[in-house]
Amino acid sequence: FFDKRTWPLWISFWLPLLIMTGYFIYRHMAPFGSSSLLTVDLGQQYVDLFSYFRHTLLHDPSAFFSIPSPKRLVARWLGSGLIT
Protein backbone atom coordinates (compact mmCIF):
# COMPACT_ATOMS: atom_id res chain seq x y z
CA PHE A 1 0.00 0.00 0.00
CA PHE A 2 2.69 2.50 1.03
CA ASP A 3 5.64 1.38 -1.02
CA LYS A 4 8.40 3.40 -2.68
CA ARG A 5 6.53 3.48 -5.97
CA THR A 6 3.32 5.06 -4.59
CA TRP A 7 4.90 7.27 -1.90
CA PRO A 8 5.07 10.45 -4.10
CA LEU A 9 1.39 10.00 -4.96
CA TRP A 10 0.40 9.85 -1.31
CA ILE A 11 2.49 12.93 -0.50
CA SER A 12 1.02 14.84 -3.46
CA PHE A 13 -2.47 14.07 -2.13
CA TRP A 14 -2.05 14.55 1.63
CA LEU A 15 0.25 17.58 1.73
CA PRO A 16 -2.04 19.97 -0.21
CA LEU A 17 -5.07 18.59 1.62
CA LEU A 18 -3.51 19.29 5.02
CA ILE A 19 -2.29 22.75 3.97
CA MET A 20 -5.71 23.77 2.62
CA THR A 21 -7.53 22.32 5.64
CA GLY A 22 -5.25 24.28 7.96
CA TYR A 23 -5.83 27.45 5.94
CA PHE A 24 -9.61 26.97 6.00
CA ILE A 25 -9.55 26.46 9.77
CA TYR A 26 -7.35 29.55 10.25
CA ARG A 27 -9.60 31.74 8.04
CA HIS A 28 -12.84 30.27 9.46
CA MET A 29 -13.91 29.10 6.01
CA ALA A 30 -16.73 26.63 5.49
CA PRO A 31 -17.16 23.96 6.82
CA PHE A 32 -15.15 25.27 9.80
CA GLY A 33 -16.81 28.70 9.98
CA SER A 34 -19.25 31.07 8.35
CA SER A 35 -16.96 32.48 5.63
CA SER A 36 -16.94 31.11 2.11
CA LEU A 37 -14.64 31.19 -0.90
CA LEU A 38 -17.67 31.69 -3.13
CA THR A 39 -18.24 35.23 -1.88
CA VAL A 40 -14.67 36.15 -2.79
CA ASP A 41 -15.08 34.51 -6.19
CA LEU A 42 -18.44 36.21 -6.71
CA GLY A 43 -17.02 39.61 -5.88
CA GLN A 44 -14.15 39.28 -8.29
CA GLN A 45 -15.64 37.56 -11.30
CA TYR A 46 -19.40 37.76 -11.49
CA VAL A 47 -20.29 41.30 -10.40
CA ASP A 48 -19.35 42.71 -13.80
CA LEU A 49 -21.26 39.95 -15.57
CA PHE A 50 -24.41 40.52 -13.53
CA SER A 51 -24.23 44.30 -13.87
CA TYR A 52 -23.95 43.94 -17.65
CA PHE A 53 -26.82 41.44 -17.61
CA ARG A 54 -28.98 43.86 -15.55
CA HIS A 55 -28.12 46.81 -17.78
CA THR A 56 -28.97 44.79 -20.90
CA LEU A 57 -32.30 43.61 -19.54
CA LEU A 58 -33.37 47.04 -18.27
CA HIS A 59 -32.11 49.28 -21.08
CA ASP A 60 -31.69 47.20 -24.24
CA PRO A 61 -33.40 43.78 -23.97
CA SER A 62 -32.93 43.05 -27.68
CA ALA A 63 -29.14 43.04 -27.18
CA PHE A 64 -29.56 40.10 -24.80
CA PHE A 65 -30.47 37.85 -27.72
CA SER A 66 -27.75 39.04 -30.09
CA ILE A 67 -24.33 37.46 -30.05
CA PRO A 68 -21.64 40.15 -30.18
CA SER A 69 -18.79 39.78 -32.61
CA PRO A 70 -15.42 38.95 -31.03
CA LYS A 71 -14.06 42.37 -31.99
CA ARG A 72 -16.93 44.17 -30.24
CA LEU A 73 -16.57 41.95 -27.20
CA VAL A 74 -12.83 42.59 -26.87
CA ALA A 75 -13.36 46.32 -27.44
CA ARG A 76 -15.96 46.34 -24.66
CA TRP A 77 -13.56 44.52 -22.33
CA LEU A 78 -10.76 46.96 -23.15
CA GLY A 79 -13.08 49.90 -22.55
CA SER A 80 -14.26 48.59 -19.20
CA GLY A 81 -10.74 47.93 -17.92
CA LEU A 82 -11.12 44.14 -17.72
CA ILE A 83 -8.15 43.70 -20.04
CA THR A 84 -5.21 46.06 -19.62
PDB file of N, CA and C in Angstrom:
ATOM      1  N   PHE A   1       0.837  -1.209   0.000  1.00  0.00           N
ATOM      2  CA  PHE A   1       0.000   0.000   0.000  1.00  0.00           C
ATOM      3  C   PHE A   1       0.867   1.252   0.000  1.00  0.00           C
ATOM      4  N   PHE A   2       1.745   1.379   0.978  1.00  0.00           N
ATOM      5  CA  PHE A   2       2.686   2.500   1.029  1.00  0.00           C
ATOM      6  C   PHE A   2       4.082   1.989   0.644  1.00  0.00           C
ATOM      7  N   ASP A   3       4.311   1.814  -0.611  1.00  0.00           N
ATOM      8  CA  ASP A   3       5.636   1.383  -1.023  1.00  0.00           C
ATOM      9  C   ASP A   3       6.368   2.543  -1.693  1.00  0.00           C
ATOM     10  N   LYS A   4       7.592   2.328  -2.085  1.00  0.00           N
ATOM     11  CA  LYS A   4       8.401   3.396  -2.681  1.00  0.00           C
ATOM     12  C   LYS A   4       7.808   3.914  -3.982  1.00  0.00           C
ATOM     13  N   ARG A   5       7.081   3.069  -4.673  1.00  0.00           N
ATOM     14  CA  ARG A   5       6.528   3.479  -5.965  1.00  0.00           C
ATOM     15  C   ARG A   5       5.333   4.437  -5.794  1.00  0.00           C
ATOM     16  N   THR A   6       4.526   4.232  -4.767  1.00  0.00           N
ATOM     17  CA  THR A   6       3.323   5.062  -4.586  1.00  0.00           C
ATOM     18  C   THR A   6       3.516   6.185  -3.575  1.00  0.00           C
ATOM     19  N   TRP A   7       4.664   6.244  -2.906  1.00  0.00           N
ATOM     20  CA  TRP A   7       4.902   7.275  -1.896  1.00  0.00           C
ATOM     21  C   TRP A   7       4.739   8.711  -2.433  1.00  0.00           C
ATOM     22  N   PRO A   8       5.282   9.078  -3.592  1.00  0.00           N
ATOM     23  CA  PRO A   8       5.066  10.446  -4.098  1.00  0.00           C
ATOM     24  C   PRO A   8       3.588  10.762  -4.355  1.00  0.00           C
ATOM     25  N   LEU A   9       2.827   9.763  -4.754  1.00  0.00           N
ATOM     26  CA  LEU A   9       1.394   9.999  -4.962  1.00  0.00           C
ATOM     27  C   LEU A   9       0.683  10.307  -3.660  1.00  0.00           C
ATOM     28  N   TRP A  10       1.028   9.579  -2.607  1.00  0.00           N
ATOM     29  CA  TRP A  10       0.402   9.850  -1.307  1.00  0.00           C
ATOM     30  C   TRP A  10       0.792  11.227  -0.784  1.00  0.00           C
ATOM     31  N   ILE A  11       2.035  11.600  -0.937  1.00  0.00           N
ATOM     32  CA  ILE A  11       2.485  12.932  -0.498  1.00  0.00           C
ATOM     33  C   ILE A  11       1.781  14.017  -1.303  1.00  0.00           C
ATOM     34  N   SER A  12       1.656  13.824  -2.613  1.00  0.00           N
ATOM     35  CA  SER A  12       1.018  14.842  -3.457  1.00  0.00           C
ATOM     36  C   SER A  12      -0.478  14.962  -3.165  1.00  0.00           C
ATOM     37  N   PHE A  13      -1.068  13.975  -2.534  1.00  0.00           N
ATOM     38  CA  PHE A  13      -2.470  14.069  -2.125  1.00  0.00           C
ATOM     39  C   PHE A  13      -2.599  14.688  -0.736  1.00  0.00           C
ATOM     40  N   TRP A  14      -1.860  14.149   0.238  1.00  0.00           N
ATOM     41  CA  TRP A  14      -2.055  14.548   1.629  1.00  0.00           C
ATOM     42  C   TRP A  14      -1.470  15.925   1.955  1.00  0.00           C
ATOM     43  N   LEU A  15      -0.358  16.290   1.391  1.00  0.00           N
ATOM     44  CA  LEU A  15       0.254  17.580   1.730  1.00  0.00           C
ATOM     45  C   LEU A  15      -0.636  18.762   1.338  1.00  0.00           C
ATOM     46  N   PRO A  16      -1.132  18.863   0.102  1.00  0.00           N
ATOM     47  CA  PRO A  16      -2.040  19.971  -0.215  1.00  0.00           C
ATOM     48  C   PRO A  16      -3.345  19.922   0.586  1.00  0.00           C
ATOM     49  N   LEU A  17      -3.845  18.712   0.843  1.00  0.00           N
ATOM     50  CA  LEU A  17      -5.070  18.594   1.621  1.00  0.00           C
ATOM     51  C   LEU A  17      -4.874  19.137   3.036  1.00  0.00           C
ATOM     52  N   LEU A  18      -3.781  18.799   3.672  1.00  0.00           N
ATOM     53  CA  LEU A  18      -3.514  19.288   5.020  1.00  0.00           C
ATOM     54  C   LEU A  18      -3.264  20.793   5.037  1.00  0.00           C
ATOM     55  N   ILE A  19      -2.543  21.296   4.042  1.00  0.00           N
ATOM     56  CA  ILE A  19      -2.289  22.746   3.973  1.00  0.00           C
ATOM     57  C   ILE A  19      -3.599  23.513   3.792  1.00  0.00           C
ATOM     58  N   MET A  20      -4.443  23.073   2.869  1.00  0.00           N
ATOM     59  CA  MET A  20      -5.709  23.771   2.624  1.00  0.00           C
ATOM     60  C   MET A  20      -6.666  23.640   3.812  1.00  0.00           C
ATOM     61  N   THR A  21      -6.683  22.485   4.458  1.00  0.00           N
ATOM     62  CA  THR A  21      -7.527  22.316   5.640  1.00  0.00           C
ATOM     63  C   THR A  21      -7.072  23.254   6.751  1.00  0.00           C
ATOM     64  N   GLY A  22      -5.778  23.350   6.964  1.00  0.00           N
ATOM     65  CA  GLY A  22      -5.251  24.281   7.956  1.00  0.00           C
ATOM     66  C   GLY A  22      -5.596  25.727   7.632  1.00  0.00           C
ATOM     67  N   TYR A  23      -5.494  26.087   6.368  1.00  0.00           N
ATOM     68  CA  TYR A  23      -5.830  27.446   5.940  1.00  0.00           C
ATOM     69  C   TYR A  23      -7.312  27.729   6.152  1.00  0.00           C
ATOM     70  N   PHE A  24      -8.170  26.784   5.807  1.00  0.00           N
ATOM     71  CA  PHE A  24      -9.609  26.969   5.998  1.00  0.00           C
ATOM     72  C   PHE A  24      -9.957  27.111   7.468  1.00  0.00           C
ATOM     73  N   ILE A  25      -9.301  26.339   8.332  1.00  0.00           N
ATOM     74  CA  ILE A  25      -9.550  26.464   9.770  1.00  0.00           C
ATOM     75  C   ILE A  25      -9.077  27.824  10.267  1.00  0.00           C
ATOM     76  N   TYR A  26      -7.898  28.254   9.837  1.00  0.00           N
ATOM     77  CA  TYR A  26      -7.346  29.548  10.249  1.00  0.00           C
ATOM     78  C   TYR A  26      -8.232  30.711   9.808  1.00  0.00           C
ATOM     79  N   ARG A  27      -8.775  30.652   8.585  1.00  0.00           N
ATOM     80  CA  ARG A  27      -9.598  31.741   8.042  1.00  0.00           C
ATOM     81  C   ARG A  27     -11.086  31.585   8.347  1.00  0.00           C
ATOM     82  N   HIS A  28     -11.442  30.556   9.103  1.00  0.00           N
ATOM     83  CA  HIS A  28     -12.844  30.268   9.458  1.00  0.00           C
ATOM     84  C   HIS A  28     -13.706  30.105   8.208  1.00  0.00           C
ATOM     85  N   MET A  29     -13.169  29.391   7.241  1.00  0.00           N
ATOM     86  CA  MET A  29     -13.912  29.104   6.012  1.00  0.00           C
ATOM     87  C   MET A  29     -14.801  27.883   6.232  1.00  0.00           C
ATOM     88  N   ALA A  30     -15.835  27.780   5.418  1.00  0.00           N
ATOM     89  CA  ALA A  30     -16.730  26.625   5.490  1.00  0.00           C
ATOM     90  C   ALA A  30     -15.939  25.376   5.170  1.00  0.00           C
ATOM     91  N   PRO A  31     -16.157  24.299   5.810  1.00  0.00           N
ATOM     92  CA  PRO A  31     -17.157  23.959   6.817  1.00  0.00           C
ATOM     93  C   PRO A  31     -16.724  24.238   8.247  1.00  0.00           C
ATOM     94  N   PHE A  32     -15.656  24.998   8.461  1.00  0.00           N
ATOM     95  CA  PHE A  32     -15.154  25.269   9.801  1.00  0.00           C
ATOM     96  C   PHE A  32     -15.598  26.624  10.330  1.00  0.00           C
ATOM     97  N   GLY A  33     -16.342  27.379   9.555  1.00  0.00           N
ATOM     98  CA  GLY A  33     -16.805  28.697   9.976  1.00  0.00           C
ATOM     99  C   GLY A  33     -17.863  29.210   9.030  1.00  0.00           C
ATOM    100  N   SER A  34     -18.163  30.498   9.144  1.00  0.00           N
ATOM    101  CA  SER A  34     -19.249  31.072   8.346  1.00  0.00           C
ATOM    102  C   SER A  34     -18.772  31.723   7.053  1.00  0.00           C
ATOM    103  N   SER A  35     -17.476  31.878   6.861  1.00  0.00           N
ATOM    104  CA  SER A  35     -16.965  32.480   5.631  1.00  0.00           C
ATOM    105  C   SER A  35     -16.997  31.469   4.492  1.00  0.00           C
ATOM    106  N   SER A  36     -16.912  31.993   3.267  1.00  0.00           N
ATOM    107  CA  SER A  36     -16.944  31.114   2.110  1.00  0.00           C
ATOM    108  C   SER A  36     -16.046  31.665   1.017  1.00  0.00           C
ATOM    109  N   LEU A  37     -15.433  30.772   0.258  1.00  0.00           N
ATOM    110  CA  LEU A  37     -14.643  31.193  -0.896  1.00  0.00           C
ATOM    111  C   LEU A  37     -15.529  31.713  -2.011  1.00  0.00           C
ATOM    112  N   LEU A  38     -16.778  31.283  -2.053  1.00  0.00           N
ATOM    113  CA  LEU A  38     -17.667  31.688  -3.130  1.00  0.00           C
ATOM    114  C   LEU A  38     -17.941  33.184  -3.107  1.00  0.00           C
ATOM    115  N   THR A  39     -17.996  33.791  -1.931  1.00  0.00           N
ATOM    116  CA  THR A  39     -18.239  35.234  -1.879  1.00  0.00           C
ATOM    117  C   THR A  39     -17.060  35.999  -2.454  1.00  0.00           C
ATOM    118  N   VAL A  40     -15.858  35.522  -2.210  1.00  0.00           N
ATOM    119  CA  VAL A  40     -14.669  36.151  -2.795  1.00  0.00           C
ATOM    120  C   VAL A  40     -14.700  35.990  -4.303  1.00  0.00           C
ATOM    121  N   ASP A  41     -15.017  34.785  -4.756  1.00  0.00           N
ATOM    122  CA  ASP A  41     -15.084  34.511  -6.185  1.00  0.00           C
ATOM    123  C   ASP A  41     -16.187  35.337  -6.838  1.00  0.00           C
ATOM    124  N   LEU A  42     -17.321  35.429  -6.175  1.00  0.00           N
ATOM    125  CA  LEU A  42     -18.435  36.205  -6.711  1.00  0.00           C
ATOM    126  C   LEU A  42     -18.055  37.674  -6.846  1.00  0.00           C
ATOM    127  N   GLY A  43     -17.387  38.202  -5.850  1.00  0.00           N
ATOM    128  CA  GLY A  43     -17.015  39.612  -5.882  1.00  0.00           C
ATOM    129  C   GLY A  43     -16.008  39.941  -6.966  1.00  0.00           C
ATOM    130  N   GLN A  44     -15.200  38.985  -7.340  1.00  0.00           N
ATOM    131  CA  GLN A  44     -14.148  39.280  -8.294  1.00  0.00           C
ATOM    132  C   GLN A  44     -14.483  38.925  -9.728  1.00  0.00           C
ATOM    133  N   GLN A  45     -15.401  37.998  -9.931  1.00  0.00           N
ATOM    134  CA  GLN A  45     -15.639  37.559 -11.300  1.00  0.00           C
ATOM    135  C   GLN A  45     -17.033  37.867 -11.811  1.00  0.00           C
ATOM    136  N   TYR A  46     -18.040  37.746 -10.975  1.00  0.00           N
ATOM    137  CA  TYR A  46     -19.396  37.757 -11.489  1.00  0.00           C
ATOM    138  C   TYR A  46     -20.131  39.087 -11.332  1.00  0.00           C
ATOM    139  N   VAL A  47     -19.613  40.015 -10.567  1.00  0.00           N
ATOM    140  CA  VAL A  47     -20.291  41.295 -10.395  1.00  0.00           C
ATOM    141  C   VAL A  47     -20.389  42.032 -11.730  1.00  0.00           C
ATOM    142  N   ASP A  48     -19.318  42.049 -12.491  1.00  0.00           N
ATOM    143  CA  ASP A  48     -19.347  42.709 -13.800  1.00  0.00           C
ATOM    144  C   ASP A  48     -20.318  42.016 -14.744  1.00  0.00           C
ATOM    145  N   LEU A  49     -20.339  40.691 -14.719  1.00  0.00           N
ATOM    146  CA  LEU A  49     -21.255  39.950 -15.571  1.00  0.00           C
ATOM    147  C   LEU A  49     -22.711  40.263 -15.221  1.00  0.00           C
ATOM    148  N   PHE A  50     -23.036  40.262 -13.928  1.00  0.00           N
ATOM    149  CA  PHE A  50     -24.410  40.516 -13.530  1.00  0.00           C
ATOM    150  C   PHE A  50     -24.815  41.970 -13.750  1.00  0.00           C
ATOM    151  N   SER A  51     -23.890  42.904 -13.603  1.00  0.00           N
ATOM    152  CA  SER A  51     -24.231  44.301 -13.873  1.00  0.00           C
ATOM    153  C   SER A  51     -24.484  44.511 -15.366  1.00  0.00           C
ATOM    154  N   TYR A  52     -23.705  43.861 -16.215  1.00  0.00           N
ATOM    155  CA  TYR A  52     -23.948  43.936 -17.649  1.00  0.00           C
ATOM    156  C   TYR A  52     -25.284  43.283 -18.006  1.00  0.00           C
ATOM    157  N   PHE A  53     -25.557  42.141 -17.384  1.00  0.00           N
ATOM    158  CA  PHE A  53     -26.823  41.444 -17.607  1.00  0.00           C
ATOM    159  C   PHE A  53     -28.005  42.327 -17.191  1.00  0.00           C
ATOM    160  N   ARG A  54     -27.912  42.980 -16.034  1.00  0.00           N
ATOM    161  CA  ARG A  54     -28.981  43.856 -15.552  1.00  0.00           C
ATOM    162  C   ARG A  54     -29.168  45.050 -16.489  1.00  0.00           C
ATOM    163  N   HIS A  55     -28.045  45.670 -16.881  1.00  0.00           N
ATOM    164  CA  HIS A  55     -28.121  46.814 -17.778  1.00  0.00           C
ATOM    165  C   HIS A  55     -28.765  46.416 -19.102  1.00  0.00           C
ATOM    166  N   THR A  56     -28.404  45.257 -19.627  1.00  0.00           N
ATOM    167  CA  THR A  56     -28.971  44.793 -20.895  1.00  0.00           C
ATOM    168  C   THR A  56     -30.462  44.541 -20.773  1.00  0.00           C
ATOM    169  N   LEU A  57     -30.874  43.901 -19.703  1.00  0.00           N
ATOM    170  CA  LEU A  57     -32.299  43.610 -19.538  1.00  0.00           C
ATOM    171  C   LEU A  57     -33.134  44.866 -19.318  1.00  0.00           C
ATOM    172  N   LEU A  58     -32.589  45.838 -18.585  1.00  0.00           N
ATOM    173  CA  LEU A  58     -33.369  47.039 -18.270  1.00  0.00           C
ATOM    174  C   LEU A  58     -33.347  48.086 -19.376  1.00  0.00           C
ATOM    175  N   HIS A  59     -32.259  48.187 -20.124  1.00  0.00           N
ATOM    176  CA  HIS A  59     -32.109  49.279 -21.080  1.00  0.00           C
ATOM    177  C   HIS A  59     -32.154  48.850 -22.545  1.00  0.00           C
ATOM    178  N   ASP A  60     -31.705  47.652 -22.855  1.00  0.00           N
ATOM    179  CA  ASP A  60     -31.692  47.203 -24.244  1.00  0.00           C
ATOM    180  C   ASP A  60     -31.913  45.694 -24.297  1.00  0.00           C
ATOM    181  N   PRO A  61     -33.146  45.221 -24.026  1.00  0.00           N
ATOM    182  CA  PRO A  61     -33.398  43.776 -23.965  1.00  0.00           C
ATOM    183  C   PRO A  61     -33.113  43.048 -25.276  1.00  0.00           C
ATOM    184  N   SER A  62     -33.197  43.731 -26.412  1.00  0.00           N
ATOM    185  CA  SER A  62     -32.926  43.045 -27.676  1.00  0.00           C
ATOM    186  C   SER A  62     -31.457  42.647 -27.795  1.00  0.00           C
ATOM    187  N   ALA A  63     -30.566  43.368 -27.138  1.00  0.00           N
ATOM    188  CA  ALA A  63     -29.145  43.036 -27.180  1.00  0.00           C
ATOM    189  C   ALA A  63     -28.847  41.740 -26.433  1.00  0.00           C
ATOM    190  N   PHE A  64     -29.749  41.346 -25.546  1.00  0.00           N
ATOM    191  CA  PHE A  64     -29.564  40.100 -24.802  1.00  0.00           C
ATOM    192  C   PHE A  64     -29.576  38.891 -25.732  1.00  0.00           C
ATOM    193  N   PHE A  65     -30.335  38.977 -26.808  1.00  0.00           N
ATOM    194  CA  PHE A  65     -30.473  37.852 -27.718  1.00  0.00           C
ATOM    195  C   PHE A  65     -29.504  37.903 -28.884  1.00  0.00           C
ATOM    196  N   SER A  66     -28.729  38.953 -29.004  1.00  0.00           N
ATOM    197  CA  SER A  66     -27.754  39.037 -30.091  1.00  0.00           C
ATOM    198  C   SER A  66     -26.384  38.597 -29.579  1.00  0.00           C
ATOM    199  N   ILE A  67     -25.671  37.912 -30.415  1.00  0.00           N
ATOM    200  CA  ILE A  67     -24.332  37.462 -30.050  1.00  0.00           C
ATOM    201  C   ILE A  67     -23.344  38.493 -30.586  1.00  0.00           C
ATOM    202  N   PRO A  68     -22.579  39.143 -29.691  1.00  0.00           N
ATOM    203  CA  PRO A  68     -21.639  40.153 -30.180  1.00  0.00           C
ATOM    204  C   PRO A  68     -20.481  39.520 -30.932  1.00  0.00           C
ATOM    205  N   SER A  69     -19.963  40.263 -31.886  1.00  0.00           N
ATOM    206  CA  SER A  69     -18.793  39.780 -32.610  1.00  0.00           C
ATOM    207  C   SER A  69     -17.595  39.791 -31.662  1.00  0.00           C
ATOM    208  N   PRO A  70     -16.596  38.963 -31.909  1.00  0.00           N
ATOM    209  CA  PRO A  70     -15.424  38.949 -31.028  1.00  0.00           C
ATOM    210  C   PRO A  70     -14.725  40.298 -30.931  1.00  0.00           C
ATOM    211  N   LYS A  71     -14.703  41.061 -32.032  1.00  0.00           N
ATOM    212  CA  LYS A  71     -14.057  42.372 -31.993  1.00  0.00           C
ATOM    213  C   LYS A  71     -14.809  43.316 -31.063  1.00  0.00           C
ATOM    214  N   ARG A  72     -16.138  43.313 -31.139  1.00  0.00           N
ATOM    215  CA  ARG A  72     -16.925  44.168 -30.245  1.00  0.00           C
ATOM    216  C   ARG A  72     -16.771  43.749 -28.798  1.00  0.00           C
ATOM    217  N   LEU A  73     -16.708  42.452 -28.556  1.00  0.00           N
ATOM    218  CA  LEU A  73     -16.573  41.948 -27.201  1.00  0.00           C
ATOM    219  C   LEU A  73     -15.233  42.350 -26.600  1.00  0.00           C
ATOM    220  N   VAL A  74     -14.158  42.202 -27.358  1.00  0.00           N
ATOM    221  CA  VAL A  74     -12.834  42.591 -26.872  1.00  0.00           C
ATOM    222  C   VAL A  74     -12.761  44.101 -26.680  1.00  0.00           C
ATOM    223  N   ALA A  75     -13.355  44.865 -27.587  1.00  0.00           N
ATOM    224  CA  ALA A  75     -13.363  46.321 -27.437  1.00  0.00           C
ATOM    225  C   ALA A  75     -14.122  46.731 -26.184  1.00  0.00           C
ATOM    226  N   ARG A  76     -15.205  46.038 -25.876  1.00  0.00           N
ATOM    227  CA  ARG A  76     -15.963  46.344 -24.658  1.00  0.00           C
ATOM    228  C   ARG A  76     -15.136  46.009 -23.424  1.00  0.00           C
ATOM    229  N   TRP A  77     -14.403  44.891 -23.465  1.00  0.00           N
ATOM    230  CA  TRP A  77     -13.558  44.517 -22.332  1.00  0.00           C
ATOM    231  C   TRP A  77     -12.419  45.521 -22.148  1.00  0.00           C
ATOM    232  N   LEU A  78     -11.835  45.966 -23.248  1.00  0.00           N
ATOM    233  CA  LEU A  78     -10.759  46.959 -23.153  1.00  0.00           C
ATOM    234  C   LEU A  78     -11.289  48.270 -22.590  1.00  0.00           C
ATOM    235  N   GLY A  79     -12.480  48.648 -23.032  1.00  0.00           N
ATOM    236  CA  GLY A  79     -13.082  49.903 -22.551  1.00  0.00           C
ATOM    237  C   GLY A  79     -13.469  49.853 -21.102  1.00  0.00           C
ATOM    238  N   SER A  80     -13.831  48.686 -20.590  1.00  0.00           N
ATOM    239  CA  SER A  80     -14.260  48.590 -19.197  1.00  0.00           C
ATOM    240  C   SER A  80     -13.099  48.344 -18.254  1.00  0.00           C
ATOM    241  N   GLY A  81     -11.917  48.140 -18.761  1.00  0.00           N
ATOM    242  CA  GLY A  81     -10.742  47.931 -17.918  1.00  0.00           C
ATOM    243  C   GLY A  81     -10.542  46.483 -17.516  1.00  0.00           C
ATOM    244  N   LEU A  82     -11.302  45.539 -18.076  1.00  0.00           N
ATOM    245  CA  LEU A  82     -11.120  44.141 -17.725  1.00  0.00           C
ATOM    246  C   LEU A  82      -9.819  43.593 -18.284  1.00  0.00           C
ATOM    247  N   ILE A  83      -9.421  44.104 -19.451  1.00  0.00           N
ATOM    248  CA  ILE A  83      -8.147  43.703 -20.039  1.00  0.00           C
ATOM    249  C   ILE A  83      -7.280  44.952 -20.120  1.00  0.00           C
ATOM    250  N   THR A  84      -6.081  44.875 -19.584  1.00  0.00           N
ATOM    251  CA  THR A  84      -5.206  46.056 -19.615  1.00  0.00           C
ATOM    252  C   THR A  84      -3.975  45.763 -20.424  1.00  0.00           C
TER     253      THR A  84
END
